[in-house]
């Protein structure tokens, strides 16, 4: 019985050592400034308020007819792409699950007046406004991947 307990303890220690070793080797591949940037981004995300108001850019022209697709074409799109950073994300089925850059783009494009948080979406009027804005956003070819 004691040998079984000792054997299990040894296996556990070896497993923990393996996990620690793989984690340190994975981080060694990245330059140290990348690790610092990731840590800085994480702290900045924690400091951001739950509701941030973003003013629409005045210099951006309104979407032309060729930049907007029909609803049938928009239904075929499975991914959206941020034209500024190149980040891609799945088309959100719900505003609550949309990426931060999508919410900011909705405000930037003038489809919403602010970024709504979950408590704001309890109001049926706000919820409907957000759904309509998401549908219009999906039709913008500028954001298609």
C-alpha atoms as a PDB file:
ATOM      1  CA  UNK A   1       0.000   0.000   0.000  1.00  0.00           C
ATOM      2  CA  UNK A   2       2.831   2.384   0.860  1.00  0.00           C
ATOM      3  CA  UNK A   3       4.639   1.612  -2.368  1.00  0.00           C
ATOM      4  CA  UNK A   4       1.500   2.444  -4.337  1.00  0.00           C
ATOM      5  CA  UNK A   5       1.217   5.793  -2.567  1.00  0.00           C
ATOM      6  CA  UNK A   6       4.897   6.539  -3.185  1.00  0.00           C
ATOM      7  CA  UNK A   7       4.504   5.577  -6.848  1.00  0.00           C
ATOM      8  CA  UNK A   8       1.523   7.892  -7.316  1.00  0.00           C
ATOM      9  CA  UNK A   9       3.393  10.749  -5.619  1.00  0.00           C
ATOM     10  CA  UNK A  10       6.398  10.260  -7.909  1.00  0.00           C
ATOM     11  CA  UNK A  11       4.160  10.243 -11.004  1.00  0.00           C
ATOM     12  CA  UNK A  12       2.471  13.433  -9.824  1.00  0.00           C
ATOM     13  CA  UNK A  13       5.812  15.201  -9.282  1.00  0.00           C
ATOM     14  CA  UNK A  14       7.035  14.138 -12.725  1.00  0.00           C
ATOM     15  CA  UNK A  15       3.798  15.379 -14.311  1.00  0.00           C
ATOM     16  CA  UNK A  16       4.030  18.788 -12.601  1.00  0.00           C
ATOM     17  CA  UNK A  17       7.678  19.103 -13.662  1.00  0.00           C
ATOM     18  CA  UNK A  18       6.677  18.288 -17.259  1.00  0.00           C
ATOM     19  CA  UNK A  19       3.968  20.980 -17.270  1.00  0.00           C
ATOM     20  CA  UNK A  20       6.356  23.590 -15.872  1.00  0.00           C
ATOM     21  CA  UNK A  21       9.049  22.667 -18.375  1.00  0.00           C
ATOM     22  CA  UNK A  22       6.728  22.900 -21.387  1.00  0.00           C
ATOM     23  CA  UNK A  23       5.370  26.254 -20.185  1.00  0.00           C
ATOM     24  CA  UNK A  24       8.840  27.756 -19.828  1.00  0.00           C
ATOM     25  CA  UNK A  25       9.982  26.397 -23.188  1.00  0.00           C
ATOM     26  CA  UNK A  26       6.890  27.827 -24.876  1.00  0.00           C
ATOM     27  CA  UNK A  27       7.648  31.273 -23.432  1.00  0.00           C
ATOM     28  CA  UNK A  28      11.353  31.087 -24.360  1.00  0.00           C
ATOM     29  CA  UNK A  29      10.453  31.118 -28.046  1.00  0.00           C
ATOM     30  CA  UNK A  30       9.065  34.628 -27.744  1.00  0.00           C
ATOM     31  CA  UNK A  31      11.227  37.713 -27.248  1.00  0.00           C
ATOM     32  CA  UNK A  32      10.910  39.278 -23.830  1.00  0.00           C
ATOM     33  CA  UNK A  33       9.333  42.462 -25.198  1.00  0.00           C
ATOM     34  CA  UNK A  34       6.447  40.372 -26.585  1.00  0.00           C
ATOM     35  CA  UNK A  35       5.801  39.009 -23.110  1.00  0.00           C
ATOM     36  CA  UNK A  36       5.868  42.561 -21.703  1.00  0.00           C
ATOM     37  CA  UNK A  37       3.414  43.774 -24.358  1.00  0.00           C
ATOM     38  CA  UNK A  38       1.047  40.888 -23.607  1.00  0.00           C
ATOM     39  CA  UNK A  39       1.172  41.687 -19.897  1.00  0.00           C
ATOM     40  CA  UNK A  40       0.591  45.383 -20.603  1.00  0.00           C
ATOM     41  CA  UNK A  41      -2.399  44.615 -22.865  1.00  0.00           C
ATOM     42  CA  UNK A  42      -3.890  42.409 -20.184  1.00  0.00           C
ATOM     43  CA  UNK A  43      -3.668  45.171 -17.559  1.00  0.00           C
ATOM     44  CA  UNK A  44      -5.089  47.729 -19.995  1.00  0.00           C
ATOM     45  CA  UNK A  45      -8.073  45.456 -20.686  1.00  0.00           C
ATOM     46  CA  UNK A  46      -8.711  45.214 -16.957  1.00  0.00           C
ATOM     47  CA  UNK A  47      -8.661  49.004 -16.612  1.00  0.00           C
ATOM     48  CA  UNK A  48     -11.131  49.672 -19.435  1.00  0.00           C
ATOM     49  CA  UNK A  49     -14.599  50.742 -18.312  1.00  0.00           C
ATOM     50  CA  UNK A  50     -17.546  48.471 -19.007  1.00  0.00           C
ATOM     51  CA  UNK A  51     -19.153  51.091 -21.266  1.00  0.00           C
ATOM     52  CA  UNK A  52     -16.917  53.142 -23.496  1.00  0.00           C
ATOM     53  CA  UNK A  53     -18.247  55.802 -25.781  1.00  0.00           C
ATOM     54  CA  UNK A  54     -16.513  56.128 -29.125  1.00  0.00           C
ATOM     55  CA  UNK A  55     -17.272  59.085 -31.348  1.00  0.00           C
ATOM     56  CA  UNK A  56     -17.864  58.259 -35.013  1.00  0.00           C
ATOM     57  CA  UNK A  57     -15.079  59.512 -37.253  1.00  0.00           C
ATOM     58  CA  UNK A  58     -16.217  62.580 -39.173  1.00  0.00           C
ATOM     59  CA  UNK A  59     -13.779  62.159 -42.066  1.00  0.00           C
ATOM     60  CA  UNK A  60     -15.057  58.721 -43.074  1.00  0.00           C
ATOM     61  CA  UNK A  61     -17.424  58.830 -46.052  1.00  0.00           C
ATOM     62  CA  UNK A  62     -20.790  57.139 -45.932  1.00  0.00           C
ATOM     63  CA  UNK A  63     -20.926  53.655 -47.404  1.00  0.00           C
ATOM     64  CA  UNK A  64     -21.580  53.635 -51.128  1.00  0.00           C
ATOM     65  CA  UNK A  65     -23.910  51.229 -52.907  1.00  0.00           C
ATOM     66  CA  UNK A  66     -21.053  48.898 -53.936  1.00  0.00           C
ATOM     67  CA  UNK A  67     -19.773  48.658 -50.343  1.00  0.00           C
ATOM     68  CA  UNK A  68     -23.089  47.326 -49.029  1.00  0.00           C
ATOM     69  CA  UNK A  69     -24.321  43.853 -49.904  1.00  0.00           C
ATOM     70  CA  UNK A  70     -27.793  42.424 -49.944  1.00  0.00           C
ATOM     71  CA  UNK A  71     -29.133  40.437 -46.999  1.00  0.00           C
ATOM     72  CA  UNK A  72     -28.776  37.179 -48.966  1.00  0.00           C
ATOM     73  CA  UNK A  73     -25.086  37.857 -49.667  1.00  0.00           C
ATOM     74  CA  UNK A  74     -24.487  38.813 -46.055  1.00  0.00           C
ATOM     75  CA  UNK A  75     -25.935  35.503 -44.848  1.00  0.00           C
ATOM     76  CA  UNK A  76     -23.172  33.635 -46.707  1.00  0.00           C
ATOM     77  CA  UNK A  77     -20.393  35.472 -44.842  1.00  0.00           C
ATOM     78  CA  UNK A  78     -18.963  33.408 -41.980  1.00  0.00           C
ATOM     79  CA  UNK A  79     -16.072  35.653 -40.825  1.00  0.00           C
ATOM     80  CA  UNK A  80     -15.534  39.367 -40.368  1.00  0.00           C
ATOM     81  CA  UNK A  81     -12.166  41.087 -40.647  1.00  0.00           C
ATOM     82  CA  UNK A  82     -10.990  44.253 -38.918  1.00  0.00           C
ATOM     83  CA  UNK A  83      -9.524  46.369 -41.752  1.00  0.00           C
ATOM     84  CA  UNK A  84      -7.249  48.245 -39.319  1.00  0.00           C
ATOM     85  CA  UNK A  85      -5.560  45.285 -37.598  1.00  0.00           C
ATOM     86  CA  UNK A  86      -6.397  42.325 -39.834  1.00  0.00           C
ATOM     87  CA  UNK A  87      -7.971  40.419 -36.912  1.00  0.00           C
ATOM     88  CA  UNK A  88     -10.746  38.059 -37.940  1.00  0.00           C
ATOM     89  CA  UNK A  89     -13.734  36.888 -35.943  1.00  0.00           C
ATOM     90  CA  UNK A  90     -16.764  34.727 -36.563  1.00  0.00           C
ATOM     91  CA  UNK A  91     -19.930  36.583 -37.438  1.00  0.00           C
ATOM     92  CA  UNK A  92     -21.643  37.160 -34.094  1.00  0.00           C
ATOM     93  CA  UNK A  93     -25.119  35.773 -33.706  1.00  0.00           C
ATOM     94  CA  UNK A  94     -25.629  37.907 -30.630  1.00  0.00           C
ATOM     95  CA  UNK A  95     -24.216  41.308 -29.609  1.00  0.00           C
ATOM     96  CA  UNK A  96     -23.119  39.935 -26.240  1.00  0.00           C
ATOM     97  CA  UNK A  97     -20.732  37.515 -27.950  1.00  0.00           C
ATOM     98  CA  UNK A  98     -19.306  40.039 -30.436  1.00  0.00           C
ATOM     99  CA  UNK A  99     -15.633  40.946 -30.227  1.00  0.00           C
ATOM    100  CA  UNK A 100     -14.694  44.342 -28.846  1.00  0.00           C
ATOM    101  CA  UNK A 101     -13.491  45.624 -32.239  1.00  0.00           C
ATOM    102  CA  UNK A 102     -16.874  44.759 -33.788  1.00  0.00           C
ATOM    103  CA  UNK A 103     -18.685  46.780 -31.133  1.00  0.00           C
ATOM    104  CA  UNK A 104     -16.310  49.704 -31.695  1.00  0.00           C
ATOM    105  CA  UNK A 105     -16.807  49.454 -35.466  1.00  0.00           C
ATOM    106  CA  UNK A 106     -20.590  49.588 -35.010  1.00  0.00           C
ATOM    107  CA  UNK A 107     -20.161  52.909 -33.236  1.00  0.00           C
ATOM    108  CA  UNK A 108     -17.519  54.130 -35.711  1.00  0.00           C
ATOM    109  CA  UNK A 109     -19.819  53.410 -38.650  1.00  0.00           C
ATOM    110  CA  UNK A 110     -22.644  55.306 -36.966  1.00  0.00           C
ATOM    111  CA  UNK A 111     -24.899  52.272 -36.584  1.00  0.00           C
ATOM    112  CA  UNK A 112     -24.979  52.659 -32.788  1.00  0.00           C
ATOM    113  CA  UNK A 113     -24.544  55.700 -30.580  1.00  0.00           C
ATOM    114  CA  UNK A 114     -22.474  53.890 -27.922  1.00  0.00           C
ATOM    115  CA  UNK A 115     -21.153  50.488 -26.906  1.00  0.00           C
ATOM    116  CA  UNK A 116     -23.891  48.801 -24.912  1.00  0.00           C
ATOM    117  CA  UNK A 117     -23.218  46.585 -21.903  1.00  0.00           C
ATOM    118  CA  UNK A 118     -25.353  43.605 -20.881  1.00  0.00           C
ATOM    119  CA  UNK A 119     -27.586  45.611 -18.525  1.00  0.00           C
ATOM    120  CA  UNK A 120     -28.429  48.049 -21.337  1.00  0.00           C
ATOM    121  CA  UNK A 121     -29.554  45.130 -23.499  1.00  0.00           C
ATOM    122  CA  UNK A 122     -32.301  44.192 -21.039  1.00  0.00           C
ATOM    123  CA  UNK A 123     -34.316  47.074 -22.453  1.00  0.00           C
ATOM    124  CA  UNK A 124     -36.234  45.774 -25.480  1.00  0.00           C
ATOM    125  CA  UNK A 125     -35.784  49.023 -27.424  1.00  0.00           C
ATOM    126  CA  UNK A 126     -31.987  48.911 -27.078  1.00  0.00           C
ATOM    127  CA  UNK A 127     -31.908  45.213 -27.870  1.00  0.00           C
ATOM    128  CA  UNK A 128     -33.846  45.738 -31.097  1.00  0.00           C
ATOM    129  CA  UNK A 129     -31.620  48.676 -32.085  1.00  0.00           C
ATOM    130  CA  UNK A 130     -28.516  46.526 -31.600  1.00  0.00           C
ATOM    131  CA  UNK A 131     -29.958  43.637 -33.650  1.00  0.00           C
ATOM    132  CA  UNK A 132     -30.725  45.961 -36.548  1.00  0.00           C
ATOM    133  CA  UNK A 133     -27.242  47.489 -36.347  1.00  0.00           C
ATOM    134  CA  UNK A 134     -25.635  44.035 -36.427  1.00  0.00           C
ATOM    135  CA  UNK A 135     -27.658  43.108 -39.506  1.00  0.00           C
ATOM    136  CA  UNK A 136     -26.550  46.292 -41.293  1.00  0.00           C
ATOM    137  CA  UNK A 137     -22.950  45.717 -40.187  1.00  0.00           C
ATOM    138  CA  UNK A 138     -22.926  42.201 -41.655  1.00  0.00           C
ATOM    139  CA  UNK A 139     -23.851  43.710 -45.022  1.00  0.00           C
ATOM    140  CA  UNK A 140     -20.780  45.982 -45.134  1.00  0.00           C
ATOM    141  CA  UNK A 141     -18.294  44.419 -47.550  1.00  0.00           C
ATOM    142  CA  UNK A 142     -15.483  46.435 -45.983  1.00  0.00           C
ATOM    143  CA  UNK A 143     -15.497  44.057 -42.996  1.00  0.00           C
ATOM    144  CA  UNK A 144     -15.766  40.767 -44.880  1.00  0.00           C
ATOM    145  CA  UNK A 145     -12.848  38.353 -44.520  1.00  0.00           C
END
